[in-house]
Structure formats: structure tokens, C-alpha cells
Amino acid sequence: MFTANATIKNPTGLHARPAAQLVALCKKFSSDLQITDASGNKFDPKSIISVLSAGIKQGSDVQVTATGADEDDAGGQIVGFINGLAE
């Protein structure tokens, strides 16, 4: 199991465009993926509805969890994507 933390630095949080990019990235992996916000709310990063309804804002800390055959690659790329978001 891969688990790592990331911080949303994007001034507009995970709004429509970065949320769609995150979902597209996550769908490339076969592993089960989950993102948990600081208050313990969990959402599916392979679902655009789930990501948008999570309401993740700038400065939010999230935990990325991946379980499966490509968990390390998936987790590393997702954390890198989230930490690299900037508009």
C-alpha cells in the first residue's frame, strides 16, 4: 500500500480543470485509489463528481492512498500532480 501526503497549492483549489486532469491521470492506473482530506472525508479520484463535490481548497492537506499492482507509480504521480498544481 502506498500512502503519502500532499498540499493543494493551487489558488482555486481542485476546481473543474485540475479536477478533470486529476481524474484523467488516476484512470490510467489499475490500483484502487483514495484521497482523504484533513477532516477525514474520503473521495474517489477516478470520479469527477466525487472530486468536485469534495470541495478541496487551497492550503488543504490531503492523503493519497493507492493499493494494487501499480500502487507506487500511481501514488507517486498523483502526489506529484497535486503538489505541482499552480495557476
C-alpha atoms as a PDB file:
ATOM      1  CA  MET A   1       0.000   0.000   0.000  1.00  0.00           C
ATOM      2  CA  PHE A   2       1.225   3.472  -0.916  1.00  0.00           C
ATOM      3  CA  THR A   3       0.319   6.376   1.356  1.00  0.00           C
ATOM      4  CA  ALA A   4       1.632   9.937   1.160  1.00  0.00           C
ATOM      5  CA  ASN A   5       0.503  13.453   1.958  1.00  0.00           C
ATOM      6  CA  ALA A   6       0.152  16.366  -0.438  1.00  0.00           C
ATOM      7  CA  THR A   7      -0.897  20.005  -0.124  1.00  0.00           C
ATOM      8  CA  ILE A   8      -3.127  21.873  -2.569  1.00  0.00           C
ATOM      9  CA  LYS A   9      -1.202  24.996  -3.569  1.00  0.00           C
ATOM     10  CA  ASN A  10      -3.408  25.993  -6.498  1.00  0.00           C
ATOM     11  CA  PRO A  11      -5.168  29.300  -5.575  1.00  0.00           C
ATOM     12  CA  THR A  12      -8.508  27.982  -6.849  1.00  0.00           C
ATOM     13  CA  GLY A  13      -8.178  24.532  -5.270  1.00  0.00           C
ATOM     14  CA  LEU A  14      -9.348  21.478  -7.196  1.00  0.00           C
ATOM     15  CA  HIS A  15     -11.821  23.279  -9.440  1.00  0.00           C
ATOM     16  CA  ALA A  16     -13.071  21.934 -12.778  1.00  0.00           C
ATOM     17  CA  ARG A  17      -9.906  21.892 -14.926  1.00  0.00           C
ATOM     18  CA  PRO A  18      -7.398  20.482 -12.413  1.00  0.00           C
ATOM     19  CA  ALA A  19     -10.065  18.086 -11.125  1.00  0.00           C
ATOM     20  CA  ALA A  20     -10.582  16.759 -14.654  1.00  0.00           C
ATOM     21  CA  GLN A  21      -6.813  16.444 -15.114  1.00  0.00           C
ATOM     22  CA  LEU A  22      -6.516  14.566 -11.816  1.00  0.00           C
ATOM     23  CA  VAL A  23      -9.317  12.174 -12.791  1.00  0.00           C
ATOM     24  CA  ALA A  24      -7.717  11.537 -16.199  1.00  0.00           C
ATOM     25  CA  LEU A  25      -4.381  10.770 -14.522  1.00  0.00           C
ATOM     26  CA  CYS A  26      -5.980   8.453 -11.948  1.00  0.00           C
ATOM     27  CA  LYS A  27      -7.929   6.494 -14.551  1.00  0.00           C
ATOM     28  CA  LYS A  28      -4.623   5.384 -16.105  1.00  0.00           C
ATOM     29  CA  PHE A  29      -3.918   3.175 -13.101  1.00  0.00           C
ATOM     30  CA  SER A  30      -5.441  -0.152 -12.138  1.00  0.00           C
ATOM     31  CA  SER A  31      -4.835   0.343  -8.405  1.00  0.00           C
ATOM     32  CA  ASP A  32      -7.627   1.257  -6.012  1.00  0.00           C
ATOM     33  CA  LEU A  33      -7.124   4.946  -5.237  1.00  0.00           C
ATOM     34  CA  GLN A  34      -8.484   7.118  -2.464  1.00  0.00           C
ATOM     35  CA  ILE A  35      -7.863  10.666  -1.309  1.00  0.00           C
ATOM     36  CA  THR A  36      -8.689  11.736   2.241  1.00  0.00           C
ATOM     37  CA  ASP A  37      -8.930  15.373   3.338  1.00  0.00           C
ATOM     38  CA  ALA A  38      -7.847  16.744   6.736  1.00  0.00           C
ATOM     39  CA  SER A  39     -11.299  16.211   8.259  1.00  0.00           C
ATOM     40  CA  GLY A  40     -11.333  12.532   7.264  1.00  0.00           C
ATOM     41  CA  ASN A  41     -13.647  12.809   4.264  1.00  0.00           C
ATOM     42  CA  LYS A  42     -12.696  10.294   1.569  1.00  0.00           C
ATOM     43  CA  PHE A  43     -13.284  10.594  -2.145  1.00  0.00           C
ATOM     44  CA  ASP A  44     -12.631   8.603  -5.294  1.00  0.00           C
ATOM     45  CA  PRO A  45     -10.110  10.417  -7.523  1.00  0.00           C
ATOM     46  CA  LYS A  46     -11.322   8.420 -10.533  1.00  0.00           C
ATOM     47  CA  SER A  47     -14.726  10.160 -10.336  1.00  0.00           C
ATOM     48  CA  ILE A  48     -15.080  13.807 -11.405  1.00  0.00           C
ATOM     49  CA  ILE A  49     -18.275  14.151  -9.354  1.00  0.00           C
ATOM     50  CA  SER A  50     -16.513  12.827  -6.262  1.00  0.00           C
ATOM     51  CA  VAL A  51     -13.526  15.160  -6.716  1.00  0.00           C
ATOM     52  CA  LEU A  52     -15.623  18.274  -7.337  1.00  0.00           C
ATOM     53  CA  SER A  53     -18.043  17.560  -4.505  1.00  0.00           C
ATOM     54  CA  ALA A  54     -15.116  17.183  -2.070  1.00  0.00           C
ATOM     55  CA  GLY A  55     -14.583  20.956  -2.328  1.00  0.00           C
ATOM     56  CA  ILE A  56     -10.820  20.830  -1.811  1.00  0.00           C
ATOM     57  CA  LYS A  57      -9.478  24.381  -1.460  1.00  0.00           C
ATOM     58  CA  GLN A  58      -6.034  25.983  -1.500  1.00  0.00           C
ATOM     59  CA  GLY A  59      -3.975  25.072   1.553  1.00  0.00           C
ATOM     60  CA  SER A  60      -5.818  21.798   2.118  1.00  0.00           C
ATOM     61  CA  ASP A  61      -3.701  18.835   3.145  1.00  0.00           C
ATOM     62  CA  VAL A  62      -4.770  15.525   1.646  1.00  0.00           C
ATOM     63  CA  GLN A  63      -3.600  11.949   1.972  1.00  0.00           C
ATOM     64  CA  VAL A  64      -3.256   9.846  -1.172  1.00  0.00           C
ATOM     65  CA  THR A  65      -3.653   6.081  -0.791  1.00  0.00           C
ATOM     66  CA  ALA A  66      -3.087   3.532  -3.555  1.00  0.00           C
ATOM     67  CA  THR A  67      -3.439  -0.244  -3.327  1.00  0.00           C
ATOM     68  CA  GLY A  68      -2.731  -2.575  -6.227  1.00  0.00           C
ATOM     69  CA  ALA A  69      -0.235  -3.691  -8.835  1.00  0.00           C
ATOM     70  CA  ASP A  70       0.881  -0.182  -9.820  1.00  0.00           C
ATOM     71  CA  GLU A  71       0.387   1.487  -6.414  1.00  0.00           C
ATOM     72  CA  ASP A  72       3.842   3.080  -6.116  1.00  0.00           C
ATOM     73  CA  ASP A  73       3.755   4.555  -9.603  1.00  0.00           C
ATOM     74  CA  ALA A  74       0.152   5.724  -9.195  1.00  0.00           C
ATOM     75  CA  GLY A  75       0.692   7.231  -5.766  1.00  0.00           C
ATOM     76  CA  GLY A  76       3.900   8.982  -6.762  1.00  0.00           C
ATOM     77  CA  GLN A  77       2.396  10.519  -9.888  1.00  0.00           C
ATOM     78  CA  ILE A  78      -0.765  11.651  -8.094  1.00  0.00           C
ATOM     79  CA  VAL A  79       1.157  13.260  -5.222  1.00  0.00           C
ATOM     80  CA  GLY A  80       3.466  14.925  -7.758  1.00  0.00           C
ATOM     81  CA  PHE A  81       0.477  16.221  -9.712  1.00  0.00           C
ATOM     82  CA  ILE A  82      -1.249  17.638  -6.621  1.00  0.00           C
ATOM     83  CA  ASN A  83       1.917  19.249  -5.242  1.00  0.00           C
ATOM     84  CA  GLY A  84       2.696  20.724  -8.662  1.00  0.00           C
ATOM     85  CA  LEU A  85      -0.679  22.369  -9.256  1.00  0.00           C
ATOM     86  CA  ALA A  86      -0.366  26.114  -9.825  1.00  0.00           C
ATOM     87  CA  GLU A  87      -2.340  28.542 -11.940  1.00  0.00           C
END
